[in-house]
PDB file of N, CA and C in Angstrom:
ATOM      1  N   MET A   1      43.140 -39.267 -62.021  1.00  0.00           N
ATOM      2  CA  MET A   1      42.178 -39.811 -61.079  1.00  0.00           C
ATOM      3  C   MET A   1      42.565 -41.256 -60.781  1.00  0.00           C
ATOM      4  N   TYR A   2      42.568 -41.608 -59.506  1.00  0.00           N
ATOM      5  CA  TYR A   2      42.877 -42.960 -59.057  1.00  0.00           C
ATOM      6  C   TYR A   2      41.587 -43.672 -58.668  1.00  0.00           C
ATOM      7  N   ASN A   3      41.446 -44.912 -59.100  1.00  0.00           N
ATOM      8  CA  ASN A   3      40.297 -45.738 -58.724  1.00  0.00           C
ATOM      9  C   ASN A   3      40.753 -46.752 -57.684  1.00  0.00           C
ATOM     10  N   TYR A   4      40.188 -46.650 -56.500  1.00  0.00           N
ATOM     11  CA  TYR A   4      40.521 -47.553 -55.412  1.00  0.00           C
ATOM     12  C   TYR A   4      39.361 -48.498 -55.161  1.00  0.00           C
ATOM     13  N   HIS A   5      39.688 -49.708 -54.818  1.00  0.00           N
ATOM     14  CA  HIS A   5      38.698 -50.733 -54.523  1.00  0.00           C
ATOM     15  C   HIS A   5      39.011 -51.249 -53.125  1.00  0.00           C
ATOM     16  N   PHE A   6      37.976 -51.644 -52.398  1.00  0.00           N
ATOM     17  CA  PHE A   6      38.215 -52.075 -51.032  1.00  0.00           C
ATOM     18  C   PHE A   6      37.296 -53.213 -50.626  1.00  0.00           C
ATOM     19  N   ALA A   7      37.777 -53.973 -49.655  1.00  0.00           N
ATOM     20  CA  ALA A   7      36.992 -54.994 -48.972  1.00  0.00           C
ATOM     21  C   ALA A   7      37.054 -54.635 -47.502  1.00  0.00           C
ATOM     22  N   PHE A   8      35.904 -54.584 -46.838  1.00  0.00           N
ATOM     23  CA  PHE A   8      35.933 -54.269 -45.420  1.00  0.00           C
ATOM     24  C   PHE A   8      35.050 -55.232 -44.630  1.00  0.00           C
ATOM     25  N   ALA A   9      35.447 -55.387 -43.370  1.00  0.00           N
ATOM     26  CA  ALA A   9      34.729 -56.253 -42.425  1.00  0.00           C
ATOM     27  C   ALA A   9      35.159 -55.832 -41.025  1.00  0.00           C
ATOM     28  N   SER A  10      34.657 -56.514 -40.041  1.00  0.00           N
ATOM     29  CA  SER A  10      35.059 -56.195 -38.671  1.00  0.00           C
ATOM     30  C   SER A  10      36.532 -56.579 -38.476  1.00  0.00           C
ATOM     31  N   GLN A  11      37.178 -55.861 -37.569  1.00  0.00           N
ATOM     32  CA  GLN A  11      38.565 -56.195 -37.255  1.00  0.00           C
ATOM     33  C   GLN A  11      38.648 -57.617 -36.723  1.00  0.00           C
ATOM     34  N   ASN A  12      37.683 -58.008 -35.922  1.00  0.00           N
ATOM     35  CA  ASN A  12      37.672 -59.362 -35.378  1.00  0.00           C
ATOM     36  C   ASN A  12      37.675 -60.395 -36.502  1.00  0.00           C
ATOM     37  N   PHE A  13      36.879 -60.178 -37.516  1.00  0.00           N
ATOM     38  CA  PHE A  13      36.818 -61.114 -38.640  1.00  0.00           C
ATOM     39  C   PHE A  13      38.176 -61.209 -39.323  1.00  0.00           C
ATOM     40  N   PHE A  14      38.756 -60.060 -39.677  1.00  0.00           N
ATOM     41  CA  PHE A  14      40.042 -60.073 -40.385  1.00  0.00           C
ATOM     42  C   PHE A  14      41.179 -60.615 -39.520  1.00  0.00           C
ATOM     43  N   LEU A  15      41.212 -60.245 -38.264  1.00  0.00           N
ATOM     44  CA  LEU A  15      42.369 -60.565 -37.430  1.00  0.00           C
ATOM     45  C   LEU A  15      42.270 -61.896 -36.695  1.00  0.00           C
ATOM     46  N   ASN A  16      41.053 -62.373 -36.452  1.00  0.00           N
ATOM     47  CA  ASN A  16      40.914 -63.588 -35.653  1.00  0.00           C
ATOM     48  C   ASN A  16      40.245 -64.755 -36.370  1.00  0.00           C
ATOM     49  N   GLN A  17      39.396 -64.482 -37.339  1.00  0.00           N
ATOM     50  CA  GLN A  17      38.631 -65.554 -37.959  1.00  0.00           C
ATOM     51  C   GLN A  17      39.159 -65.982 -39.318  1.00  0.00           C
ATOM     52  N   GLU A  18      39.918 -65.148 -39.984  1.00  0.00           N
ATOM     53  CA  GLU A  18      40.436 -65.465 -41.312  1.00  0.00           C
ATOM     54  C   GLU A  18      41.954 -65.343 -41.324  1.00  0.00           C
ATOM     55  N   PRO A  19      42.611 -66.107 -42.170  1.00  0.00           N
ATOM     56  CA  PRO A  19      44.081 -66.047 -42.248  1.00  0.00           C
ATOM     57  C   PRO A  19      44.558 -64.869 -43.112  1.00  0.00           C
ATOM     58  N   ILE A  20      44.113 -63.660 -42.765  1.00  0.00           N
ATOM     59  CA  ILE A  20      44.401 -62.501 -43.615  1.00  0.00           C
ATOM     60  C   ILE A  20      45.892 -62.208 -43.694  1.00  0.00           C
ATOM     61  N   GLU A  21      46.609 -62.437 -42.595  1.00  0.00           N
ATOM     62  CA  GLU A  21      48.055 -62.209 -42.612  1.00  0.00           C
ATOM     63  C   GLU A  21      48.716 -63.100 -43.667  1.00  0.00           C
ATOM     64  N   GLU A  22      48.326 -64.350 -43.701  1.00  0.00           N
ATOM     65  CA  GLU A  22      48.881 -65.287 -44.675  1.00  0.00           C
ATOM     66  C   GLU A  22      48.515 -64.886 -46.101  1.00  0.00           C
ATOM     67  N   ILE A  23      47.273 -64.501 -46.315  1.00  0.00           N
ATOM     68  CA  ILE A  23      46.823 -64.098 -47.654  1.00  0.00           C
ATOM     69  C   ILE A  23      47.620 -62.891 -48.142  1.00  0.00           C
ATOM     70  N   LEU A  24      47.781 -61.884 -47.290  1.00  0.00           N
ATOM     71  CA  LEU A  24      48.506 -60.676 -47.698  1.00  0.00           C
ATOM     72  C   LEU A  24      50.006 -60.942 -47.854  1.00  0.00           C
ATOM     73  N   ARG A  25      50.558 -61.808 -47.026  1.00  0.00           N
ATOM     74  CA  ARG A  25      51.969 -62.168 -47.163  1.00  0.00           C
ATOM     75  C   ARG A  25      52.211 -62.874 -48.498  1.00  0.00           C
ATOM     76  N   GLU A  26      51.331 -63.819 -48.846  1.00  0.00           N
ATOM     77  CA  GLU A  26      51.466 -64.520 -50.123  1.00  0.00           C
ATOM     78  C   GLU A  26      51.307 -63.563 -51.302  1.00  0.00           C
ATOM     79  N   ARG A  27      50.390 -62.622 -51.181  1.00  0.00           N
ATOM     80  CA  ARG A  27      50.192 -61.633 -52.252  1.00  0.00           C
ATOM     81  C   ARG A  27      51.423 -60.746 -52.399  1.00  0.00           C
ATOM     82  N   THR A  28      52.014 -60.349 -51.276  1.00  0.00           N
ATOM     83  CA  THR A  28      53.229 -59.533 -51.310  1.00  0.00           C
ATOM     84  C   THR A  28      54.366 -60.297 -51.971  1.00  0.00           C
ATOM     85  N   GLN A  29      54.530 -61.564 -51.633  1.00  0.00           N
ATOM     86  CA  GLN A  29      55.576 -62.386 -52.246  1.00  0.00           C
ATOM     87  C   GLN A  29      55.347 -62.535 -53.747  1.00  0.00           C
ATOM     88  N   TYR A  30      54.105 -62.697 -54.149  1.00  0.00           N
ATOM     89  CA  TYR A  30      53.767 -62.781 -55.574  1.00  0.00           C
ATOM     90  C   TYR A  30      54.161 -61.501 -56.295  1.00  0.00           C
ATOM     91  N   TYR A  31      53.829 -60.352 -55.725  1.00  0.00           N
ATOM     92  CA  TYR A  31      54.191 -59.068 -56.325  1.00  0.00           C
ATOM     93  C   TYR A  31      55.701 -58.940 -56.436  1.00  0.00           C
ATOM     94  N   TYR A  32      56.407 -59.351 -55.399  1.00  0.00           N
ATOM     95  CA  TYR A  32      57.861 -59.271 -55.395  1.00  0.00           C
ATOM     96  C   TYR A  32      58.454 -60.116 -56.523  1.00  0.00           C
ATOM     97  N   LYS A  33      57.950 -61.346 -56.685  1.00  0.00           N
ATOM     98  CA  LYS A  33      58.436 -62.233 -57.747  1.00  0.00           C
ATOM     99  C   LYS A  33      58.159 -61.660 -59.134  1.00  0.00           C
ATOM    100  N   CYS A  34      57.028 -60.986 -59.282  1.00  0.00           N
ATOM    101  CA  CYS A  34      56.645 -60.394 -60.572  1.00  0.00           C
ATOM    102  C   CYS A  34      57.237 -58.998 -60.770  1.00  0.00           C
ATOM    103  N   LYS A  35      57.993 -58.534 -59.773  1.00  0.00           N
ATOM    104  CA  LYS A  35      58.579 -57.187 -59.794  1.00  0.00           C
ATOM    105  C   LYS A  35      57.501 -56.116 -59.961  1.00  0.00           C
ATOM    106  N   LYS A  36      56.416 -56.336 -59.262  1.00  0.00           N
ATOM    107  CA  LYS A  36      55.290 -55.403 -59.285  1.00  0.00           C
ATOM    108  C   LYS A  36      55.250 -54.650 -57.964  1.00  0.00           C
ATOM    109  N   GLU A  37      54.980 -53.370 -58.019  1.00  0.00           N
ATOM    110  CA  GLU A  37      54.884 -52.560 -56.805  1.00  0.00           C
ATOM    111  C   GLU A  37      53.622 -52.923 -56.036  1.00  0.00           C
ATOM    112  N   VAL A  38      53.747 -53.048 -54.731  1.00  0.00           N
ATOM    113  CA  VAL A  38      52.599 -53.374 -53.887  1.00  0.00           C
ATOM    114  C   VAL A  38      51.584 -52.240 -53.979  1.00  0.00           C
ATOM    115  N   ASP A  39      50.362 -52.586 -54.318  1.00  0.00           N
ATOM    116  CA  ASP A  39      49.302 -51.585 -54.510  1.00  0.00           C
ATOM    117  C   ASP A  39      48.098 -51.871 -53.631  1.00  0.00           C
ATOM    118  N   PHE A  40      48.359 -52.421 -52.444  1.00  0.00           N
ATOM    119  CA  PHE A  40      47.269 -52.664 -51.511  1.00  0.00           C
ATOM    120  C   PHE A  40      47.745 -52.342 -50.098  1.00  0.00           C
ATOM    121  N   TRP A  41      46.753 -52.028 -49.236  1.00  0.00           N
ATOM    122  CA  TRP A  41      47.026 -51.644 -47.862  1.00  0.00           C
ATOM    123  C   TRP A  41      45.979 -52.284 -46.960  1.00  0.00           C
ATOM    124  N   PHE A  42      46.413 -52.698 -45.774  1.00  0.00           N
ATOM    125  CA  PHE A  42      45.498 -53.185 -44.749  1.00  0.00           C
ATOM    126  C   PHE A  42      45.360 -52.070 -43.726  1.00  0.00           C
ATOM    127  N   ILE A  43      44.129 -51.627 -43.487  1.00  0.00           N
ATOM    128  CA  ILE A  43      43.891 -50.446 -42.662  1.00  0.00           C
ATOM    129  C   ILE A  43      42.913 -50.777 -41.531  1.00  0.00           C
ATOM    130  N   LEU A  44      43.309 -50.431 -40.323  1.00  0.00           N
ATOM    131  CA  LEU A  44      42.417 -50.559 -39.176  1.00  0.00           C
ATOM    132  C   LEU A  44      41.636 -49.262 -39.021  1.00  0.00           C
ATOM    133  N   ASN A  45      40.380 -49.359 -38.675  1.00  0.00           N
ATOM    134  CA  ASN A  45      39.495 -48.197 -38.483  1.00  0.00           C
ATOM    135  C   ASN A  45      39.506 -47.243 -39.675  1.00  0.00           C
ATOM    136  N   PRO A  46      39.157 -47.725 -40.861  1.00  0.00           N
ATOM    137  CA  PRO A  46      39.172 -46.866 -42.047  1.00  0.00           C
ATOM    138  C   PRO A  46      38.063 -45.810 -41.987  1.00  0.00           C
ATOM    139  N   HIS A  47      38.438 -44.564 -41.930  1.00  0.00           N
ATOM    140  CA  HIS A  47      37.467 -43.481 -41.829  1.00  0.00           C
ATOM    141  C   HIS A  47      36.762 -43.190 -43.152  1.00  0.00           C
ATOM    142  N   PHE A  48      37.348 -43.626 -44.259  1.00  0.00           N
ATOM    143  CA  PHE A  48      36.753 -43.315 -45.554  1.00  0.00           C
ATOM    144  C   PHE A  48      35.402 -43.997 -45.758  1.00  0.00           C
ATOM    145  N   ILE A  49      35.122 -45.068 -45.044  1.00  0.00           N
ATOM    146  CA  ILE A  49      33.857 -45.789 -45.237  1.00  0.00           C
ATOM    147  C   ILE A  49      32.671 -44.907 -44.881  1.00  0.00           C
ATOM    148  N   GLN A  50      32.760 -44.146 -43.779  1.00  0.00           N
ATOM    149  CA  GLN A  50      31.663 -43.256 -43.400  1.00  0.00           C
ATOM    150  C   GLN A  50      31.470 -42.154 -44.436  1.00  0.00           C
ATOM    151  N   SER A  51      32.535 -41.699 -45.055  1.00  0.00           N
ATOM    152  CA  SER A  51      32.423 -40.617 -46.032  1.00  0.00           C
ATOM    153  C   SER A  51      31.849 -41.088 -47.367  1.00  0.00           C
ATOM    154  N   LEU A  52      31.714 -42.387 -47.553  1.00  0.00           N
ATOM    155  CA  LEU A  52      31.186 -42.923 -48.811  1.00  0.00           C
ATOM    156  C   LEU A  52      29.698 -43.237 -48.734  1.00  0.00           C
ATOM    157  N   ASP A  53      29.046 -42.832 -47.659  1.00  0.00           N
ATOM    158  CA  ASP A  53      27.627 -43.136 -47.462  1.00  0.00           C
ATOM    159  C   ASP A  53      27.370 -44.630 -47.534  1.00  0.00           C
ATOM    160  N   TYR A  54      28.278 -45.397 -47.012  1.00  0.00           N
ATOM    161  CA  TYR A  54      28.141 -46.848 -47.023  1.00  0.00           C
ATOM    162  C   TYR A  54      27.194 -47.264 -45.913  1.00  0.00           C
ATOM    163  N   THR A  55      26.262 -48.133 -46.220  1.00  0.00           N
ATOM    164  CA  THR A  55      25.284 -48.578 -45.245  1.00  0.00           C
ATOM    165  C   THR A  55      25.915 -49.606 -44.317  1.00  0.00           C
ATOM    166  N   ILE A  56      25.928 -49.270 -43.036  1.00  0.00           N
ATOM    167  CA  ILE A  56      26.425 -50.182 -42.022  1.00  0.00           C
ATOM    168  C   ILE A  56      25.249 -50.500 -41.112  1.00  0.00           C
ATOM    169  N   ASN A  57      25.005 -51.775 -40.900  1.00  0.00           N
ATOM    170  CA  ASN A  57      23.881 -52.199 -40.058  1.00  0.00           C
ATOM    171  C   ASN A  57      23.966 -51.578 -38.673  1.00  0.00           C
ATOM    172  N   HIS A  58      22.824 -51.331 -38.088  1.00  0.00           N
ATOM    173  CA  HIS A  58      22.755 -50.753 -36.741  1.00  0.00           C
ATOM    174  C   HIS A  58      23.572 -51.583 -35.740  1.00  0.00           C
ATOM    175  N   HIS A  59      23.529 -52.898 -35.865  1.00  0.00           N
ATOM    176  CA  HIS A  59      24.257 -53.777 -34.945  1.00  0.00           C
ATOM    177  C   HIS A  59      25.761 -53.664 -35.141  1.00  0.00           C
ATOM    178  N   ASP A  60      26.195 -53.253 -36.322  1.00  0.00           N
ATOM    179  CA  ASP A  60      27.623 -53.180 -36.633  1.00  0.00           C
ATOM    180  C   ASP A  60      28.244 -51.839 -36.286  1.00  0.00           C
ATOM    181  N   GLN A  61      27.449 -50.835 -35.960  1.00  0.00           N
ATOM    182  CA  GLN A  61      27.977 -49.491 -35.768  1.00  0.00           C
ATOM    183  C   GLN A  61      28.971 -49.386 -34.617  1.00  0.00           C
ATOM    184  N   ASN A  62      28.877 -50.246 -33.620  1.00  0.00           N
ATOM    185  CA  ASN A  62      29.781 -50.181 -32.477  1.00  0.00           C
ATOM    186  C   ASN A  62      31.040 -51.022 -32.659  1.00  0.00           C
ATOM    187  N   GLN A  63      31.169 -51.708 -33.780  1.00  0.00           N
ATOM    188  CA  GLN A  63      32.335 -52.535 -34.040  1.00  0.00           C
ATOM    189  C   GLN A  63      33.472 -51.711 -34.620  1.00  0.00           C
ATOM    190  N   SER A  64      34.664 -52.232 -34.466  1.00  0.00           N
ATOM    191  CA  SER A  64      35.824 -51.649 -35.135  1.00  0.00           C
ATOM    192  C   SER A  64      35.984 -52.371 -36.459  1.00  0.00           C
ATOM    193  N   PHE A  65      36.182 -51.614 -37.513  1.00  0.00           N
ATOM    194  CA  PHE A  65      36.310 -52.193 -38.837  1.00  0.00           C
ATOM    195  C   PHE A  65      37.749 -52.171 -39.313  1.00  0.00           C
ATOM    196  N   ALA A  66      37.995 -52.941 -40.345  1.00  0.00           N
ATOM    197  CA  ALA A  66      39.285 -52.955 -41.027  1.00  0.00           C
ATOM    198  C   ALA A  66      38.981 -53.067 -42.514  1.00  0.00           C
ATOM    199  N   ALA A  67      39.931 -52.641 -43.333  1.00  0.00           N
ATOM    200  CA  ALA A  67      39.733 -52.696 -44.780  1.00  0.00           C
ATOM    201  C   ALA A  67      41.033 -53.032 -45.482  1.00  0.00           C
ATOM    202  N   ILE A  68      40.880 -53.657 -46.623  1.00  0.00           N
ATOM    203  CA  ILE A  68      41.991 -53.848 -47.545  1.00  0.00           C
ATOM    204  C   ILE A  68      41.647 -52.985 -48.747  1.00  0.00           C
ATOM    205  N   VAL A  69      42.533 -52.054 -49.050  1.00  0.00           N
ATOM    206  CA  VAL A  69      42.331 -51.119 -50.157  1.00  0.00           C
ATOM    207  C   VAL A  69      43.362 -51.437 -51.220  1.00  0.00           C
ATOM    208  N   SER A  70      42.935 -51.414 -52.480  1.00  0.00           N
ATOM    209  CA  SER A  70      43.845 -51.751 -53.568  1.00  0.00           C
ATOM    210  C   SER A  70      43.478 -50.995 -54.838  1.00  0.00           C
ATOM    211  N   LEU A  71      44.452 -50.845 -55.705  1.00  0.00           N
ATOM    212  CA  LEU A  71      44.200 -50.314 -57.040  1.00  0.00           C
ATOM    213  C   LEU A  71      43.724 -51.421 -57.979  1.00  0.00           C
ATOM    214  N   ASP A  72      43.870 -52.660 -57.563  1.00  0.00           N
ATOM    215  CA  ASP A  72      43.560 -53.833 -58.381  1.00  0.00           C
ATOM    216  C   ASP A  72      42.156 -54.354 -58.065  1.00  0.00           C
ATOM    217  N   LYS A  73      41.218 -54.070 -58.939  1.00  0.00           N
ATOM    218  CA  LYS A  73      39.824 -54.478 -58.735  1.00  0.00           C
ATOM    219  C   LYS A  73      39.692 -56.001 -58.671  1.00  0.00           C
ATOM    220  N   GLN A  74      40.441 -56.705 -59.498  1.00  0.00           N
ATOM    221  CA  GLN A  74      40.349 -58.165 -59.510  1.00  0.00           C
ATOM    222  C   GLN A  74      40.817 -58.777 -58.191  1.00  0.00           C
ATOM    223  N   PHE A  75      41.819 -58.177 -57.569  1.00  0.00           N
ATOM    224  CA  PHE A  75      42.289 -58.665 -56.271  1.00  0.00           C
ATOM    225  C   PHE A  75      41.179 -58.539 -55.228  1.00  0.00           C
ATOM    226  N   ILE A  76      40.494 -57.418 -55.212  1.00  0.00           N
ATOM    227  CA  ILE A  76      39.407 -57.215 -54.250  1.00  0.00           C
ATOM    228  C   ILE A  76      38.249 -58.170 -54.546  1.00  0.00           C
ATOM    229  N   GLN A  77      37.939 -58.374 -55.811  1.00  0.00           N
ATOM    230  CA  GLN A  77      36.883 -59.327 -56.159  1.00  0.00           C
ATOM    231  C   GLN A  77      37.268 -60.747 -55.742  1.00  0.00           C
ATOM    232  N   TRP A  78      38.546 -61.105 -55.901  1.00  0.00           N
ATOM    233  CA  TRP A  78      39.028 -62.405 -55.463  1.00  0.00           C
ATOM    234  C   TRP A  78      38.900 -62.531 -53.945  1.00  0.00           C
ATOM    235  N   LEU A  79      39.244 -61.443 -53.214  1.00  0.00           N
ATOM    236  CA  LEU A  79      39.095 -61.465 -51.754  1.00  0.00           C
ATOM    237  C   LEU A  79      37.646 -61.717 -51.353  1.00  0.00           C
ATOM    238  N   LYS A  80      36.718 -61.100 -52.065  1.00  0.00           N
ATOM    239  CA  LYS A  80      35.294 -61.295 -51.770  1.00  0.00           C
ATOM    240  C   LYS A  80      34.913 -62.768 -51.944  1.00  0.00           C
ATOM    241  N   LEU A  81      35.414 -63.395 -52.984  1.00  0.00           N
ATOM    242  CA  LEU A  81      35.130 -64.813 -53.204  1.00  0.00           C
ATOM    243  C   LEU A  81      35.820 -65.685 -52.154  1.00  0.00           C
ATOM    244  N   ARG A  82      37.014 -65.320 -51.778  1.00  0.00           N
ATOM    245  CA  ARG A  82      37.817 -66.101 -50.821  1.00  0.00           C
ATOM    246  C   ARG A  82      37.298 -65.954 -49.386  1.00  0.00           C
ATOM    247  N   LEU A  83      36.926 -64.738 -49.007  1.00  0.00           N
ATOM    248  CA  LEU A  83      36.560 -64.466 -47.621  1.00  0.00           C
ATOM    249  C   LEU A  83      35.057 -64.441 -47.373  1.00  0.00           C
ATOM    250  N   VAL A  84      34.256 -64.301 -48.392  1.00  0.00           N
ATOM    251  CA  VAL A  84      32.796 -64.313 -48.385  1.00  0.00           C
ATOM    252  C   VAL A  84      32.168 -63.227 -47.503  1.00  0.00           C
ATOM    253  N   PHE A  85      32.497 -63.178 -46.213  1.00  0.00           N
ATOM    254  CA  PHE A  85      31.811 -62.273 -45.293  1.00  0.00           C
ATOM    255  C   PHE A  85      32.447 -60.891 -45.233  1.00  0.00           C
ATOM    256  N   VAL A  86      32.798 -60.348 -46.379  1.00  0.00           N
ATOM    257  CA  VAL A  86      33.306 -58.978 -46.461  1.00  0.00           C
ATOM    258  C   VAL A  86      32.396 -58.201 -47.406  1.00  0.00           C
ATOM    259  N   SER A  87      32.389 -56.902 -47.243  1.00  0.00           N
ATOM    260  CA  SER A  87      31.680 -56.032 -48.180  1.00  0.00           C
ATOM    261  C   SER A  87      32.732 -55.378 -49.058  1.00  0.00           C
ATOM    262  N   ILE A  88      32.373 -55.146 -50.310  1.00  0.00           N
ATOM    263  CA  ILE A  88      33.322 -54.511 -51.215  1.00  0.00           C
ATOM    264  C   ILE A  88      32.728 -53.229 -51.770  1.00  0.00           C
ATOM    265  N   GLY A  89      33.586 -52.373 -52.259  1.00  0.00           N
ATOM    266  CA  GLY A  89      33.162 -51.114 -52.849  1.00  0.00           C
ATOM    267  C   GLY A  89      34.332 -50.449 -53.527  1.00  0.00           C
ATOM    268  N   SER A  90      34.125 -49.233 -53.974  1.00  0.00           N
ATOM    269  CA  SER A  90      35.193 -48.497 -54.636  1.00  0.00           C
ATOM    270  C   SER A  90      34.965 -47.004 -54.456  1.00  0.00           C
ATOM    271  N   PHE A  91      36.019 -46.258 -54.692  1.00  0.00           N
ATOM    272  CA  PHE A  91      35.939 -44.805 -54.669  1.00  0.00           C
ATOM    273  C   PHE A  91      37.034 -44.242 -55.556  1.00  0.00           C
ATOM    274  N   GLU A  92      36.862 -43.003 -55.964  1.00  0.00           N
ATOM    275  CA  GLU A  92      37.853 -42.308 -56.787  1.00  0.00           C
ATOM    276  C   GLU A  92      38.497 -41.205 -55.972  1.00  0.00           C
ATOM    277  N   SER A  93      39.755 -40.956 -56.279  1.00  0.00           N
ATOM    278  CA  SER A  93      40.472 -39.885 -55.607  1.00  0.00           C
ATOM    279  C   SER A  93      41.439 -39.249 -56.597  1.00  0.00           C
ATOM    280  N   GLN A  94      41.621 -37.961 -56.453  1.00  0.00           N
ATOM    281  CA  GLN A  94      42.566 -37.269 -57.319  1.00  0.00           C
ATOM    282  C   GLN A  94      43.987 -37.403 -56.814  1.00  0.00           C
ATOM    283  N   SER A  95      44.143 -37.896 -55.598  1.00  0.00           N
ATOM    284  CA  SER A  95      45.479 -38.050 -55.027  1.00  0.00           C
ATOM    285  C   SER A  95      45.727 -39.505 -54.660  1.00  0.00           C
ATOM    286  N   VAL A  96      46.963 -39.793 -54.396  1.00  0.00           N
ATOM    287  CA  VAL A  96      47.341 -41.134 -53.965  1.00  0.00           C
ATOM    288  C   VAL A  96      46.795 -41.371 -52.577  1.00  0.00           C
ATOM    289  N   PHE A  97      46.215 -42.529 -52.370  1.00  0.00           N
ATOM    290  CA  PHE A  97      45.639 -42.891 -51.079  1.00  0.00           C
ATOM    291  C   PHE A  97      46.740 -43.045 -50.050  1.00  0.00           C
ATOM    292  N   LEU A  98      46.578 -42.392 -48.930  1.00  0.00           N
ATOM    293  CA  LEU A  98      47.491 -42.551 -47.808  1.00  0.00           C
ATOM    294  C   LEU A  98      46.731 -43.220 -46.682  1.00  0.00           C
ATOM    295  N   PRO A  99      47.133 -44.420 -46.267  1.00  0.00           N
ATOM    296  CA  PRO A  99      46.350 -45.177 -45.304  1.00  0.00           C
ATOM    297  C   PRO A  99      46.370 -44.658 -43.883  1.00  0.00           C
ATOM    298  N   TYR A 100      47.056 -43.589 -43.590  1.00  0.00           N
ATOM    299  CA  TYR A 100      47.101 -43.084 -42.219  1.00  0.00           C
ATOM    300  C   TYR A 100      46.448 -41.743 -42.096  1.00  0.00           C
TER     301      TYR A 100
END
């Protein structure tokens, strides 16, 4: 069983209001230096959120969302502290998460 953790917000927030590209690039470089396999994905329009019975405000239902999914719970918790305006959660899967 795989435990996945995620942070999600509107695509506008991730792509235009926060330096998410820089954060993920720095994280990738850190993993490379530590010889650790990358265990996170940035996903546009994540369909898994609806399947988790996640409460999305009525005003947010027409927005496009994005998510960062990871096997590393601490990374997602750090993102929540760093980005503030994201929601976090987790789910279990018997298979490896495929972001497409």
